Amino acid sequence: MFPHSSTAQVQYGFVVGIAFLSCFLTGPAFAEWGPALIGPRRLFLCSMTVMVAEGGPMFAMLDYVQDKSLFLGLSYLYRSYY
């Protein structure tokens, strides 16, 4: 998953943990306004579609990034958004 062996394991842990942090920070807003705006079923289906259709391929393309800092920056961005 992480091809750059010179990167510290703490940085890898933050890549995994940032997904949970973004869920923790945005969850209350989606719980409050999401069902009222588009309904719970449509909210779930739209979020799953965005995650699978956009997030999966974008995260898979990280294998082609050679620069360590760019790789970690894109990993943080993708995991926090998807």
Protein backbone atom coordinates (compact mmCIF):
# COMPACT_ATOMS: atom_id res chain seq x y z
CA MET A 1 0.00 0.00 0.00
CA PHE A 2 2.80 2.40 0.88
CA PRO A 3 5.75 1.97 -1.50
CA HIS A 4 8.12 4.45 0.13
CA SER A 5 10.04 2.52 2.77
CA SER A 6 11.90 5.62 3.97
CA THR A 7 8.70 7.17 5.29
CA ALA A 8 8.11 6.83 9.03
CA GLN A 9 5.36 4.52 10.26
CA VAL A 10 3.85 7.42 12.18
CA GLN A 11 3.08 9.11 8.89
CA TYR A 12 1.39 5.93 7.64
CA GLY A 13 -0.68 5.73 10.79
CA PHE A 14 -1.89 9.26 10.28
CA VAL A 15 -2.97 8.40 6.72
CA VAL A 16 -5.22 5.67 8.13
CA GLY A 17 -6.35 7.74 11.11
CA ILE A 18 -7.29 10.82 9.11
CA ALA A 19 -10.26 8.96 7.61
CA PHE A 20 -11.70 8.43 11.08
CA LEU A 21 -10.96 12.02 12.03
CA SER A 22 -12.85 13.34 9.02
CA CYS A 23 -15.82 11.07 9.85
CA PHE A 24 -15.75 12.32 13.43
CA LEU A 25 -15.70 15.97 12.36
CA THR A 26 -18.25 15.82 9.53
CA GLY A 27 -20.56 13.13 10.92
CA PRO A 28 -22.72 15.42 13.06
CA ALA A 29 -23.31 17.81 10.16
CA PHE A 30 -24.34 15.01 7.82
CA ALA A 31 -26.54 13.47 10.51
CA GLU A 32 -28.29 16.79 11.09
CA TRP A 33 -28.72 18.14 7.57
CA GLY A 34 -28.25 15.15 5.26
CA PRO A 35 -31.52 13.30 5.85
CA ALA A 36 -33.50 16.54 5.84
CA LEU A 37 -32.06 17.66 2.50
CA ILE A 38 -31.98 14.49 0.40
CA GLY A 39 -33.17 11.66 2.63
CA PRO A 40 -31.17 8.93 4.36
CA ARG A 41 -31.32 6.38 1.54
CA ARG A 42 -30.18 8.81 -1.15
CA LEU A 43 -27.48 10.19 1.17
CA PHE A 44 -26.12 6.68 1.69
CA LEU A 45 -26.25 5.77 -2.00
CA CYS A 46 -24.61 9.01 -3.11
CA SER A 47 -21.82 8.72 -0.56
CA MET A 48 -21.11 5.10 -1.50
CA THR A 49 -21.10 5.96 -5.20
CA VAL A 50 -18.64 8.80 -4.68
CA MET A 51 -16.39 6.65 -2.50
CA VAL A 52 -16.28 3.71 -4.90
CA ALA A 53 -16.37 5.51 -8.23
CA GLU A 54 -13.91 8.27 -7.40
CA GLY A 55 -12.01 7.35 -4.26
CA GLY A 56 -10.94 3.84 -5.18
CA PRO A 57 -9.30 4.62 -8.51
CA MET A 58 -7.70 7.80 -7.19
CA PHE A 59 -6.21 6.00 -4.21
CA ALA A 60 -5.01 3.16 -6.48
CA MET A 61 -3.19 5.66 -8.70
CA LEU A 62 -0.94 6.63 -5.80
CA ASP A 63 1.35 3.74 -6.74
CA TYR A 64 2.59 5.83 -9.64
CA VAL A 65 3.67 8.82 -7.49
CA GLN A 66 7.44 8.71 -6.97
CA ASP A 67 8.00 11.72 -4.68
CA LYS A 68 7.62 10.84 -0.98
CA SER A 69 6.16 14.14 0.19
CA LEU A 70 3.72 14.34 -2.72
CA PHE A 71 2.70 10.74 -2.06
CA LEU A 72 1.96 11.45 1.60
CA GLY A 73 0.17 14.71 0.81
CA LEU A 74 -2.09 13.04 -1.73
CA SER A 75 -2.68 10.15 0.68
CA TYR A 76 -3.80 12.58 3.38
CA LEU A 77 -6.03 14.42 0.92
CA TYR A 78 -7.66 11.31 -0.51
CA ARG A 79 -8.23 9.62 2.84
CA SER A 80 -9.70 12.75 4.40
CA TYR A 81 -12.08 13.30 1.50
CA TYR A 82 -13.07 9.74 0.67
